[in-house]
Amino acid sequence: MEEQHFEQRTDLSRLNEAVEQIRQTLATTIVGQREMVDLLIAGILADGHILIEGVPGVAKTLSAKLIAKCIDATFSRIQFTPDLMPSDVLGTSVFNPKENEFRFKRGPIFGNIILVDEINRSPAKTQAALFEVMEERQVTMDGHTYKMEEPFVVLATQNPIEQEGTYRLPEAQLDRFLFKIEVGYPTLEEEALILAGHHAQKLDEKIAEIKPILGTSAIDAYRKTVKGLHVEAKLLEFIARIVHETRNHKSLYLGASPRASLAIANSAKAIAVMDNRDFITPDDIIRVAPAVLRHRLILTPEREMEGVTTDDVVKQIIKGIEVPR
């Protein structure tokens, strides 16, 4: 029994080394934003898609590009614009005159790490093109189904401020994202470091120096480790109670679905593994709950006008539930 435990710990320590290497690599270019980096890594380990929201210029796109560079996998970037069509994302059938038949030409969505920049810039028709591929990891076109290669992760960015030419993401699509990471402004000290760093070395040179840390086979193995983590029944009940309370809370018009419960459990496992633990704690659940729930909940108009946020409500819900020990 001890030997089995030792082997598992060794596996977790190797994963932990890779995680620390990714953190250090991103820290050479991204100043601060430790929580965002950890959630990006946790999202990939938990096999989930991630939405990154923040005002322009806070390194949302850069962070997504850097995390992709740390993984030895195919990377694709799609810039969403108001005139982008679903075929520009998924691909289209092209007629081949030599063989007198149509052939499917794959779009940029076919890859391992997909960066969708400014996802709320495209209308509903194009956003809907991502529904099937994000949930079922496949594209159906002209009666044929094309499976995505694993790992398949969509990293999407959007600006929170109301701007000309933006389209609100439907709840069904938001629910497909494991996390919504909110990126704030840097502190005064961090901004000074950003300026000093850019003055000392060009950003392009720093990015070019980044080498892959994880391969696709390693990610697959680590995901199996994360999935196989044991979770105590009382912690599963704790997760279920948090999500259940969102459906009955007076400040919320729309609560979270069972998909949110699964997301909290999976991401809490990923956070535990990243901390070199083969078990999850209530603190792991409390840490990931806001990122998992903030885009799945809709406030009542009255609470929204009062300036209450979904994060405030999640904290209030957790505070009202007895934390298992």
C-alpha atoms as a PDB file:
ATOM      1  CA  MET A   1       0.000   0.000   0.000  1.00  0.00           C
ATOM      2  CA  GLU A   2       2.856   2.380   0.902  1.00  0.00           C
ATOM      3  CA  GLU A   3       4.612   1.612  -2.409  1.00  0.00           C
ATOM      4  CA  GLN A   4       1.500   2.553  -4.404  1.00  0.00           C
ATOM      5  CA  HIS A   5       1.183   5.818  -2.467  1.00  0.00           C
ATOM      6  CA  PHE A   6       4.857   6.597  -3.128  1.00  0.00           C
ATOM      7  CA  GLU A   7       4.477   6.030  -6.881  1.00  0.00           C
ATOM      8  CA  GLN A   8       1.478   8.345  -7.015  1.00  0.00           C
ATOM      9  CA  ARG A   9       3.330  11.068  -5.089  1.00  0.00           C
ATOM     10  CA  THR A  10       6.245  10.767  -7.509  1.00  0.00           C
ATOM     11  CA  ASP A  11       3.873  11.281 -10.447  1.00  0.00           C
ATOM     12  CA  LEU A  12       2.377  14.339  -8.759  1.00  0.00           C
ATOM     13  CA  SER A  13       5.813  15.793  -8.029  1.00  0.00           C
ATOM     14  CA  ARG A  14       6.761  15.509 -11.715  1.00  0.00           C
ATOM     15  CA  LEU A  15       3.564  17.302 -12.653  1.00  0.00           C
ATOM     16  CA  ASN A  16       4.311  19.889  -9.965  1.00  0.00           C
ATOM     17  CA  GLU A  17       7.748  20.517 -11.475  1.00  0.00           C
ATOM     18  CA  ALA A  18       6.182  21.133 -14.896  1.00  0.00           C
ATOM     19  CA  VAL A  19       3.586  23.490 -13.366  1.00  0.00           C
ATOM     20  CA  GLU A  20       6.302  25.456 -11.553  1.00  0.00           C
ATOM     21  CA  GLN A  21       8.316  25.642 -14.772  1.00  0.00           C
ATOM     22  CA  ILE A  22       5.303  27.073 -16.628  1.00  0.00           C
ATOM     23  CA  ARG A  23       4.732  29.607 -13.819  1.00  0.00           C
ATOM     24  CA  GLN A  24       8.355  30.741 -13.981  1.00  0.00           C
ATOM     25  CA  THR A  25       8.336  30.902 -17.780  1.00  0.00           C
ATOM     26  CA  LEU A  26       5.240  33.108 -17.848  1.00  0.00           C
ATOM     27  CA  ALA A  27       6.612  35.251 -14.998  1.00  0.00           C
ATOM     28  CA  THR A  28       9.496  36.332 -17.249  1.00  0.00           C
ATOM     29  CA  THR A  29       6.969  38.088 -19.502  1.00  0.00           C
ATOM     30  CA  ILE A  30       3.764  38.505 -17.468  1.00  0.00           C
ATOM     31  CA  VAL A  31       4.160  40.627 -14.334  1.00  0.00           C
ATOM     32  CA  GLY A  32       1.885  39.564 -11.464  1.00  0.00           C
ATOM     33  CA  GLN A  33      -1.385  37.798 -12.467  1.00  0.00           C
ATOM     34  CA  ARG A  34      -0.386  34.644 -10.536  1.00  0.00           C
ATOM     35  CA  GLU A  35      -4.016  33.603 -10.012  1.00  0.00           C
ATOM     36  CA  MET A  36      -4.769  33.938 -13.734  1.00  0.00           C
ATOM     37  CA  VAL A  37      -1.743  31.771 -14.625  1.00  0.00           C
ATOM     38  CA  ASP A  38      -2.741  29.117 -12.071  1.00  0.00           C
ATOM     39  CA  LEU A  39      -6.323  29.017 -13.367  1.00  0.00           C
ATOM     40  CA  LEU A  40      -5.093  28.719 -16.972  1.00  0.00           C
ATOM     41  CA  ILE A  41      -2.953  25.708 -16.006  1.00  0.00           C
ATOM     42  CA  ALA A  42      -5.783  24.215 -13.900  1.00  0.00           C
ATOM     43  CA  GLY A  43      -8.229  24.644 -16.794  1.00  0.00           C
ATOM     44  CA  ILE A  44      -5.954  22.715 -19.168  1.00  0.00           C
ATOM     45  CA  LEU A  45      -5.412  19.932 -16.579  1.00  0.00           C
ATOM     46  CA  ALA A  46      -9.181  19.754 -15.927  1.00  0.00           C
ATOM     47  CA  ASP A  47      -9.878  19.510 -19.689  1.00  0.00           C
ATOM     48  CA  GLY A  48     -11.940  22.698 -19.817  1.00  0.00           C
ATOM     49  CA  HIS A  49     -12.288  25.815 -21.960  1.00  0.00           C
ATOM     50  CA  ILE A  50     -11.428  29.205 -20.473  1.00  0.00           C
ATOM     51  CA  LEU A  51     -12.866  32.700 -20.942  1.00  0.00           C
ATOM     52  CA  ILE A  52     -10.519  35.572 -20.051  1.00  0.00           C
ATOM     53  CA  GLU A  53     -12.152  38.949 -19.478  1.00  0.00           C
ATOM     54  CA  GLY A  54     -10.448  42.283 -18.935  1.00  0.00           C
ATOM     55  CA  VAL A  55     -10.102  45.785 -20.328  1.00  0.00           C
ATOM     56  CA  PRO A  56      -7.830  46.211 -23.387  1.00  0.00           C
ATOM     57  CA  GLY A  57      -4.103  46.074 -22.704  1.00  0.00           C
ATOM     58  CA  VAL A  58      -3.927  43.827 -19.605  1.00  0.00           C
ATOM     59  CA  ALA A  59      -2.162  40.946 -21.425  1.00  0.00           C
ATOM     60  CA  LYS A  60      -5.186  38.653 -21.971  1.00  0.00           C
ATOM     61  CA  THR A  61      -4.152  37.606 -25.486  1.00  0.00           C
ATOM     62  CA  LEU A  62      -0.462  37.508 -24.570  1.00  0.00           C
ATOM     63  CA  SER A  63      -1.152  35.176 -21.622  1.00  0.00           C
ATOM     64  CA  ALA A  64      -3.118  32.785 -23.835  1.00  0.00           C
ATOM     65  CA  LYS A  65      -0.335  32.792 -26.456  1.00  0.00           C
ATOM     66  CA  LEU A  66       2.360  32.150 -23.836  1.00  0.00           C
ATOM     67  CA  ILE A  67       0.509  29.243 -22.208  1.00  0.00           C
ATOM     68  CA  ALA A  68       0.101  27.746 -25.691  1.00  0.00           C
ATOM     69  CA  LYS A  69       3.852  28.144 -26.323  1.00  0.00           C
ATOM     70  CA  CYS A  70       4.559  26.159 -23.146  1.00  0.00           C
ATOM     71  CA  ILE A  71       2.687  23.192 -24.644  1.00  0.00           C
ATOM     72  CA  ASP A  72       4.130  21.202 -27.541  1.00  0.00           C
ATOM     73  CA  ALA A  73       0.878  21.158 -29.517  1.00  0.00           C
ATOM     74  CA  THR A  74      -0.728  22.825 -32.535  1.00  0.00           C
ATOM     75  CA  PHE A  75      -1.811  26.398 -31.850  1.00  0.00           C
ATOM     76  CA  SER A  76      -4.391  28.357 -33.813  1.00  0.00           C
ATOM     77  CA  ARG A  77      -5.635  31.908 -33.395  1.00  0.00           C
ATOM     78  CA  ILE A  78      -9.010  33.205 -34.617  1.00  0.00           C
ATOM     79  CA  GLN A  79      -9.753  36.917 -34.476  1.00  0.00           C
ATOM     80  CA  PHE A  80     -13.512  37.285 -34.122  1.00  0.00           C
ATOM     81  CA  THR A  81     -14.942  40.188 -36.107  1.00  0.00           C
ATOM     82  CA  PRO A  82     -18.532  41.270 -36.949  1.00  0.00           C
ATOM     83  CA  ASP A  83     -18.223  39.909 -40.512  1.00  0.00           C
ATOM     84  CA  LEU A  84     -16.737  36.512 -39.549  1.00  0.00           C
ATOM     85  CA  MET A  85     -18.787  33.578 -40.874  1.00  0.00           C
ATOM     86  CA  PRO A  86     -19.165  30.096 -39.292  1.00  0.00           C
ATOM     87  CA  SER A  87     -17.283  28.582 -42.275  1.00  0.00           C
ATOM     88  CA  ASP A  88     -14.327  30.869 -41.450  1.00  0.00           C
ATOM     89  CA  VAL A  89     -14.105  29.075 -38.096  1.00  0.00           C
ATOM     90  CA  LEU A  90     -15.146  25.475 -38.790  1.00  0.00           C
ATOM     91  CA  GLY A  91     -14.101  25.079 -42.425  1.00  0.00           C
ATOM     92  CA  THR A  92     -15.994  24.500 -45.647  1.00  0.00           C
ATOM     93  CA  SER A  93     -16.486  21.983 -48.449  1.00  0.00           C
ATOM     94  CA  VAL A  94     -14.404  22.823 -51.525  1.00  0.00           C
ATOM     95  CA  PHE A  95     -15.029  21.298 -54.968  1.00  0.00           C
ATOM     96  CA  ASN A  96     -12.102  19.317 -56.361  1.00  0.00           C
ATOM     97  CA  PRO A  97     -12.462  19.306 -60.201  1.00  0.00           C
ATOM     98  CA  LYS A  98      -9.860  16.533 -60.654  1.00  0.00           C
ATOM     99  CA  GLU A  99     -11.797  14.041 -58.546  1.00  0.00           C
ATOM    100  CA  ASN A 100     -15.180  15.623 -59.316  1.00  0.00           C
ATOM    101  CA  GLU A 101     -16.180  15.732 -55.661  1.00  0.00           C
ATOM    102  CA  PHE A 102     -16.342  18.051 -52.660  1.00  0.00           C
ATOM    103  CA  ARG A 103     -13.619  17.871 -50.032  1.00  0.00           C
ATOM    104  CA  PHE A 104     -13.811  19.312 -46.537  1.00  0.00           C
ATOM    105  CA  LYS A 105     -11.185  21.975 -45.924  1.00  0.00           C
ATOM    106  CA  ARG A 106     -10.640  22.235 -42.175  1.00  0.00           C
ATOM    107  CA  GLY A 107     -10.914  25.642 -40.532  1.00  0.00           C
ATOM    108  CA  PRO A 108      -8.672  27.135 -37.843  1.00  0.00           C
ATOM    109  CA  ILE A 109     -10.748  25.535 -35.056  1.00  0.00           C
ATOM    110  CA  PHE A 110      -8.937  22.270 -35.827  1.00  0.00           C
ATOM    111  CA  GLY A 111      -5.983  22.341 -33.458  1.00  0.00           C
ATOM    112  CA  ASN A 112      -5.036  21.652 -29.846  1.00  0.00           C
ATOM    113  CA  ILE A 113      -4.896  25.123 -28.283  1.00  0.00           C
ATOM    114  CA  ILE A 114      -7.296  27.579 -29.938  1.00  0.00           C
ATOM    115  CA  LEU A 115      -7.160  31.271 -29.075  1.00  0.00           C
ATOM    116  CA  VAL A 116     -10.428  33.016 -29.916  1.00  0.00           C
ATOM    117  CA  ASP A 117      -9.652  36.704 -29.597  1.00  0.00           C
ATOM    118  CA  GLU A 118     -12.512  39.081 -28.699  1.00  0.00           C
ATOM    119  CA  ILE A 119     -15.161  36.371 -28.867  1.00  0.00           C
ATOM    120  CA  ASN A 120     -17.955  38.910 -28.258  1.00  0.00           C
ATOM    121  CA  ARG A 121     -17.119  40.778 -31.468  1.00  0.00           C
ATOM    122  CA  SER A 122     -18.957  38.258 -33.677  1.00  0.00           C
ATOM    123  CA  PRO A 123     -22.742  37.888 -34.017  1.00  0.00           C
ATOM    124  CA  ALA A 124     -24.773  34.952 -32.697  1.00  0.00           C
ATOM    125  CA  LYS A 125     -24.508  32.942 -35.928  1.00  0.00           C
ATOM    126  CA  THR A 126     -20.724  32.683 -35.662  1.00  0.00           C
ATOM    127  CA  GLN A 127     -20.726  32.212 -31.895  1.00  0.00           C
ATOM    128  CA  ALA A 128     -23.142  29.297 -32.341  1.00  0.00           C
ATOM    129  CA  ALA A 129     -20.549  27.603 -34.569  1.00  0.00           C
ATOM    130  CA  LEU A 130     -18.571  26.887 -31.388  1.00  0.00           C
ATOM    131  CA  PHE A 131     -21.440  25.151 -29.539  1.00  0.00           C
ATOM    132  CA  GLU A 132     -20.892  21.620 -30.833  1.00  0.00           C
ATOM    133  CA  VAL A 133     -17.104  21.709 -31.038  1.00  0.00           C
ATOM    134  CA  MET A 134     -16.676  23.020 -27.470  1.00  0.00           C
ATOM    135  CA  GLU A 135     -19.053  20.532 -25.857  1.00  0.00           C
ATOM    136  CA  GLU A 136     -18.719  17.397 -27.995  1.00  0.00           C
ATOM    137  CA  ARG A 137     -15.197  17.935 -29.409  1.00  0.00           C
ATOM    138  CA  GLN A 138     -16.387  17.378 -32.954  1.00  0.00           C
ATOM    139  CA  VAL A 139     -17.572  19.254 -36.039  1.00  0.00           C
ATOM    140  CA  THR A 140     -20.509  18.008 -38.136  1.00  0.00           C
ATOM    141  CA  MET A 141     -20.436  19.262 -41.716  1.00  0.00           C
ATOM    142  CA  ASP A 142     -22.452  17.993 -44.716  1.00  0.00           C
ATOM    143  CA  GLY A 143     -23.479  14.861 -42.845  1.00  0.00           C
ATOM    144  CA  HIS A 144     -19.911  13.966 -41.830  1.00  0.00           C
ATOM    145  CA  THR A 145     -18.485  14.167 -38.312  1.00  0.00           C
ATOM    146  CA  TYR A 146     -14.891  15.248 -37.785  1.00  0.00           C
ATOM    147  CA  LYS A 147     -13.410  14.524 -34.350  1.00  0.00           C
ATOM    148  CA  MET A 148     -10.993  16.947 -32.689  1.00  0.00           C
ATOM    149  CA  GLU A 149      -7.553  15.780 -31.616  1.00  0.00           C
ATOM    150  CA  GLU A 150      -6.846  15.817 -27.870  1.00  0.00           C
ATOM    151  CA  PRO A 151      -6.003  17.971 -26.071  1.00  0.00           C
ATOM    152  CA  PHE A 152      -8.532  20.490 -27.361  1.00  0.00           C
ATOM    153  CA  VAL A 153      -8.783  23.722 -25.382  1.00  0.00           C
ATOM    154  CA  VAL A 154     -10.492  26.966 -26.379  1.00  0.00           C
ATOM    155  CA  LEU A 155      -9.008  30.069 -24.740  1.00  0.00           C
ATOM    156  CA  ALA A 156     -11.305  33.015 -25.469  1.00  0.00           C
ATOM    157  CA  THR A 157     -10.842  36.681 -24.587  1.00  0.00           C
ATOM    158  CA  GLN A 158     -13.382  39.465 -24.317  1.00  0.00           C
ATOM    159  CA  ASN A 159     -13.606  43.062 -23.106  1.00  0.00           C
ATOM    160  CA  PRO A 160     -16.087  43.734 -20.277  1.00  0.00           C
ATOM    161  CA  ILE A 161     -16.872  47.342 -21.143  1.00  0.00           C
ATOM    162  CA  GLU A 162     -19.763  48.107 -23.450  1.00  0.00           C
ATOM    163  CA  GLN A 163     -18.340  48.984 -26.852  1.00  0.00           C
ATOM    164  CA  GLU A 164     -19.639  49.510 -30.353  1.00  0.00           C
ATOM    165  CA  GLY A 165     -19.993  46.262 -32.293  1.00  0.00           C
ATOM    166  CA  THR A 166     -20.026  43.738 -29.436  1.00  0.00           C
ATOM    167  CA  TYR A 167     -22.533  40.919 -28.986  1.00  0.00           C
ATOM    168  CA  ARG A 168     -23.368  39.389 -25.613  1.00  0.00           C
ATOM    169  CA  LEU A 169     -22.493  35.698 -25.357  1.00  0.00           C
ATOM    170  CA  PRO A 170     -25.586  33.503 -24.864  1.00  0.00           C
ATOM    171  CA  GLU A 171     -25.890  31.626 -21.565  1.00  0.00           C
ATOM    172  CA  ALA A 172     -25.626  28.264 -23.371  1.00  0.00           C
ATOM    173  CA  GLN A 173     -22.185  29.198 -24.665  1.00  0.00           C
ATOM    174  CA  LEU A 174     -20.972  30.747 -21.418  1.00  0.00           C
ATOM    175  CA  ASP A 175     -21.902  27.490 -19.660  1.00  0.00           C
ATOM    176  CA  ARG A 176     -19.431  25.647 -21.907  1.00  0.00           C
ATOM    177  CA  PHE A 177     -16.510  27.521 -20.369  1.00  0.00           C
ATOM    178  CA  LEU A 178     -14.983  25.902 -17.287  1.00  0.00           C
ATOM    179  CA  PHE A 179     -13.651  29.219 -15.960  1.00  0.00           C
ATOM    180  CA  LYS A 180     -14.181  32.900 -16.466  1.00  0.00           C
ATOM    181  CA  ILE A 181     -10.967  34.611 -15.401  1.00  0.00           C
ATOM    182  CA  GLU A 182     -11.217  38.323 -14.677  1.00  0.00           C
ATOM    183  CA  VAL A 183      -7.986  40.218 -15.284  1.00  0.00           C
ATOM    184  CA  GLY A 184      -7.635  43.529 -13.482  1.00  0.00           C
ATOM    185  CA  TYR A 185      -5.222  46.428 -13.784  1.00  0.00           C
ATOM    186  CA  PRO A 186      -1.683  45.942 -12.414  1.00  0.00           C
ATOM    187  CA  THR A 187      -0.620  47.677  -9.211  1.00  0.00           C
ATOM    188  CA  LEU A 188       1.693  50.706  -9.370  1.00  0.00           C
ATOM    189  CA  GLU A 189       4.707  48.517  -8.486  1.00  0.00           C
ATOM    190  CA  GLU A 190       3.753  45.921 -11.125  1.00  0.00           C
ATOM    191  CA  GLU A 191       3.313  48.609 -13.780  1.00  0.00           C
ATOM    192  CA  ALA A 192       6.792  49.964 -12.995  1.00  0.00           C
ATOM    193  CA  LEU A 193       8.191  46.421 -13.440  1.00  0.00           C
ATOM    194  CA  ILE A 194       6.342  46.065 -16.770  1.00  0.00           C
ATOM    195  CA  LEU A 195       7.915  49.292 -18.032  1.00  0.00           C
ATOM    196  CA  ALA A 196      11.379  48.266 -16.828  1.00  0.00           C
ATOM    197  CA  GLY A 197      11.046  44.829 -18.424  1.00  0.00           C
ATOM    198  CA  HIS A 198       9.986  46.196 -21.803  1.00  0.00           C
ATOM    199  CA  HIS A 199      12.755  48.772 -21.695  1.00  0.00           C
ATOM    200  CA  ALA A 200      15.406  46.121 -20.961  1.00  0.00           C
ATOM    201  CA  GLN A 201      14.388  43.513 -23.548  1.00  0.00           C
ATOM    202  CA  LYS A 202      12.016  43.397 -26.471  1.00  0.00           C
ATOM    203  CA  LEU A 203       8.844  41.375 -25.892  1.00  0.00           C
ATOM    204  CA  ASP A 204       9.224  39.457 -29.181  1.00  0.00           C
ATOM    205  CA  GLU A 205      12.676  38.270 -28.100  1.00  0.00           C
ATOM    206  CA  LYS A 206      11.330  37.014 -24.767  1.00  0.00           C
ATOM    207  CA  ILE A 207       8.480  35.117 -26.454  1.00  0.00           C
ATOM    208  CA  ALA A 208      10.870  33.583 -29.001  1.00  0.00           C
ATOM    209  CA  GLU A 209      13.001  32.180 -26.157  1.00  0.00           C
ATOM    210  CA  ILE A 210      10.096  30.174 -24.666  1.00  0.00           C
ATOM    211  CA  LYS A 211      10.434  26.431 -25.234  1.00  0.00           C
ATOM    212  CA  PRO A 212       7.663  23.789 -24.854  1.00  0.00           C
ATOM    213  CA  ILE A 213       7.440  22.270 -21.370  1.00  0.00           C
ATOM    214  CA  LEU A 214       4.570  19.781 -21.743  1.00  0.00           C
ATOM    215  CA  GLY A 215       3.747  17.473 -24.646  1.00  0.00           C
ATOM    216  CA  THR A 216       0.265  16.261 -25.569  1.00  0.00           C
ATOM    217  CA  SER A 217       0.962  12.757 -24.176  1.00  0.00           C
ATOM    218  CA  ALA A 218       2.055  14.248 -20.819  1.00  0.00           C
ATOM    219  CA  ILE A 219      -1.112  16.379 -20.657  1.00  0.00           C
ATOM    220  CA  ASP A 220      -3.216  13.285 -21.380  1.00  0.00           C
ATOM    221  CA  ALA A 221      -1.461  11.363 -18.576  1.00  0.00           C
ATOM    222  CA  TYR A 222      -1.800  14.252 -16.098  1.00  0.00           C
ATOM    223  CA  ARG A 223      -5.480  14.658 -16.933  1.00  0.00           C
ATOM    224  CA  LYS A 224      -6.036  10.997 -16.083  1.00  0.00           C
ATOM    225  CA  THR A 225      -4.245  11.577 -12.775  1.00  0.00           C
ATOM    226  CA  VAL A 226      -6.490  14.572 -12.046  1.00  0.00           C
ATOM    227  CA  LYS A 227      -9.643  12.675 -12.999  1.00  0.00           C
ATOM    228  CA  GLY A 228      -8.690   9.699 -10.810  1.00  0.00           C
ATOM    229  CA  LEU A 229      -8.284  11.756  -7.636  1.00  0.00           C
ATOM    230  CA  HIS A 230     -10.477  10.577  -4.762  1.00  0.00           C
ATOM    231  CA  VAL A 231     -12.970  13.080  -3.367  1.00  0.00           C
ATOM    232  CA  GLU A 232     -14.652  12.502  -0.016  1.00  0.00           C
ATOM    233  CA  ALA A 233     -18.456  12.289   0.013  1.00  0.00           C
ATOM    234  CA  LYS A 234     -18.751  15.270   2.385  1.00  0.00           C
ATOM    235  CA  LEU A 235     -16.811  17.441  -0.083  1.00  0.00           C
ATOM    236  CA  LEU A 236     -19.050  16.368  -2.966  1.00  0.00           C
ATOM    237  CA  GLU A 237     -22.036  17.330  -0.817  1.00  0.00           C
ATOM    238  CA  PHE A 238     -20.365  20.705  -0.091  1.00  0.00           C
ATOM    239  CA  ILE A 239     -20.055  21.358  -3.848  1.00  0.00           C
ATOM    240  CA  ALA A 240     -23.657  20.279  -4.453  1.00  0.00           C
ATOM    241  CA  ARG A 241     -24.924  22.594  -1.692  1.00  0.00           C
ATOM    242  CA  ILE A 242     -23.051  25.605  -3.114  1.00  0.00           C
ATOM    243  CA  VAL A 243     -24.537  25.049  -6.581  1.00  0.00           C
ATOM    244  CA  HIS A 244     -27.994  24.240  -5.184  1.00  0.00           C
ATOM    245  CA  GLU A 245     -28.030  27.494  -3.189  1.00  0.00           C
ATOM    246  CA  THR A 246     -27.469  29.503  -6.404  1.00  0.00           C
ATOM    247  CA  ARG A 247     -30.864  28.270  -7.630  1.00  0.00           C
ATOM    248  CA  ASN A 248     -32.698  29.569  -4.570  1.00  0.00           C
ATOM    249  CA  HIS A 249     -30.836  32.774  -3.814  1.00  0.00           C
ATOM    250  CA  LYS A 250     -32.912  35.962  -3.730  1.00  0.00           C
ATOM    251  CA  SER A 251     -30.182  37.963  -5.512  1.00  0.00           C
ATOM    252  CA  LEU A 252     -30.050  35.621  -8.504  1.00  0.00           C
ATOM    253  CA  TYR A 253     -32.404  35.410 -11.460  1.00  0.00           C
ATOM    254  CA  LEU A 254     -30.615  32.345 -12.881  1.00  0.00           C
ATOM    255  CA  GLY A 255     -28.668  29.750 -10.900  1.00  0.00           C
ATOM    256  CA  ALA A 256     -26.013  27.243 -11.986  1.00  0.00           C
ATOM    257  CA  SER A 257     -26.627  23.901 -13.703  1.00  0.00           C
ATOM    258  CA  PRO A 258     -25.211  20.462 -12.751  1.00  0.00           C
ATOM    259  CA  ARG A 259     -22.436  21.183 -15.256  1.00  0.00           C
ATOM    260  CA  ALA A 260     -21.187  23.768 -12.741  1.00  0.00           C
ATOM    261  CA  SER A 261     -20.999  21.113  -9.970  1.00  0.00           C
ATOM    262  CA  LEU A 262     -18.855  18.904 -12.200  1.00  0.00           C
ATOM    263  CA  ALA A 263     -16.700  21.891 -13.147  1.00  0.00           C
ATOM    264  CA  ILE A 264     -16.027  22.785  -9.497  1.00  0.00           C
ATOM    265  CA  ALA A 265     -15.109  19.174  -8.662  1.00  0.00           C
ATOM    266  CA  ASN A 266     -12.792  18.776 -11.677  1.00  0.00           C
ATOM    267  CA  SER A 267     -11.054  22.115 -11.245  1.00  0.00           C
ATOM    268  CA  ALA A 268     -10.621  21.590  -7.477  1.00  0.00           C
ATOM    269  CA  LYS A 269      -8.882  18.296  -8.314  1.00  0.00           C
ATOM    270  CA  ALA A 270      -6.576  20.127 -10.741  1.00  0.00           C
ATOM    271  CA  ILE A 271      -5.694  22.753  -8.103  1.00  0.00           C
ATOM    272  CA  ALA A 272      -4.940  19.989  -5.557  1.00  0.00           C
ATOM    273  CA  VAL A 273      -2.651  18.176  -7.990  1.00  0.00           C
ATOM    274  CA  MET A 274      -0.882  21.457  -8.814  1.00  0.00           C
ATOM    275  CA  ASP A 275      -0.169  21.785  -5.075  1.00  0.00           C
ATOM    276  CA  ASN A 276       1.313  18.252  -5.075  1.00  0.00           C
ATOM    277  CA  ARG A 277      -1.636  16.736  -3.191  1.00  0.00           C
ATOM    278  CA  ASP A 278      -3.581  13.580  -4.043  1.00  0.00           C
ATOM    279  CA  PHE A 279      -6.696  14.822  -2.225  1.00  0.00           C
ATOM    280  CA  ILE A 280      -8.833  17.955  -2.397  1.00  0.00           C
ATOM    281  CA  THR A 281      -9.714  20.231   0.517  1.00  0.00           C
ATOM    282  CA  PRO A 282     -12.618  22.656   1.115  1.00  0.00           C
ATOM    283  CA  ASP A 283     -10.139  25.475   0.394  1.00  0.00           C
ATOM    284  CA  ASP A 284      -9.637  24.149  -3.168  1.00  0.00           C
ATOM    285  CA  ILE A 285     -13.408  24.251  -3.705  1.00  0.00           C
ATOM    286  CA  ILE A 286     -13.703  27.765  -2.242  1.00  0.00           C
ATOM    287  CA  ARG A 287     -10.795  28.948  -4.420  1.00  0.00           C
ATOM    288  CA  VAL A 288     -12.231  27.763  -7.766  1.00  0.00           C
ATOM    289  CA  ALA A 289     -15.936  28.414  -7.066  1.00  0.00           C
ATOM    290  CA  PRO A 290     -15.975  32.111  -8.132  1.00  0.00           C
ATOM    291  CA  ALA A 291     -14.158  31.423 -11.439  1.00  0.00           C
ATOM    292  CA  VAL A 292     -16.512  28.510 -12.198  1.00  0.00           C
ATOM    293  CA  LEU A 293     -19.744  30.283 -11.227  1.00  0.00           C
ATOM    294  CA  ARG A 294     -19.331  33.983 -12.104  1.00  0.00           C
ATOM    295  CA  HIS A 295     -20.333  33.546 -15.778  1.00  0.00           C
ATOM    296  CA  ARG A 296     -23.074  31.010 -15.070  1.00  0.00           C
ATOM    297  CA  LEU A 297     -25.151  33.174 -12.741  1.00  0.00           C
ATOM    298  CA  ILE A 298     -27.449  36.061 -13.642  1.00  0.00           C
ATOM    299  CA  LEU A 299     -28.221  38.689 -11.018  1.00  0.00           C
ATOM    300  CA  THR A 300     -31.710  40.110 -10.535  1.00  0.00           C
ATOM    301  CA  PRO A 301     -32.047  43.605 -12.086  1.00  0.00           C
ATOM    302  CA  GLU A 302     -32.395  45.149  -8.610  1.00  0.00           C
ATOM    303  CA  ARG A 303     -29.104  43.652  -7.341  1.00  0.00           C
ATOM    304  CA  GLU A 304     -27.325  44.575 -10.571  1.00  0.00           C
ATOM    305  CA  MET A 305     -28.406  48.194 -10.182  1.00  0.00           C
ATOM    306  CA  GLU A 306     -27.093  48.162  -6.619  1.00  0.00           C
ATOM    307  CA  GLY A 307     -23.640  47.222  -7.930  1.00  0.00           C
ATOM    308  CA  VAL A 308     -23.640  43.693  -6.488  1.00  0.00           C
ATOM    309  CA  THR A 309     -21.472  41.210  -8.425  1.00  0.00           C
ATOM    310  CA  THR A 310     -21.881  37.449  -8.875  1.00  0.00           C
ATOM    311  CA  ASP A 311     -18.612  37.011  -6.945  1.00  0.00           C
ATOM    312  CA  ASP A 312     -20.218  38.788  -3.976  1.00  0.00           C
ATOM    313  CA  VAL A 313     -23.158  36.385  -4.098  1.00  0.00           C
ATOM    314  CA  VAL A 314     -20.897  33.310  -4.355  1.00  0.00           C
ATOM    315  CA  LYS A 315     -18.930  34.485  -1.283  1.00  0.00           C
ATOM    316  CA  GLN A 316     -22.202  35.058   0.574  1.00  0.00           C
ATOM    317  CA  ILE A 317     -23.464  31.569  -0.341  1.00  0.00           C
ATOM    318  CA  ILE A 318     -20.227  29.864   0.783  1.00  0.00           C
ATOM    319  CA  LYS A 319     -20.251  31.881   4.017  1.00  0.00           C
ATOM    320  CA  GLY A 320     -23.737  30.533   4.803  1.00  0.00           C
ATOM    321  CA  ILE A 321     -22.756  26.885   4.360  1.00  0.00           C
ATOM    322  CA  GLU A 322     -20.896  24.929   7.022  1.00  0.00           C
ATOM    323  CA  VAL A 323     -17.447  24.053   5.660  1.00  0.00           C
ATOM    324  CA  PRO A 324     -16.706  20.315   6.097  1.00  0.00           C
ATOM    325  CA  ARG A 325     -13.606  19.441   8.119  1.00  0.00           C
END
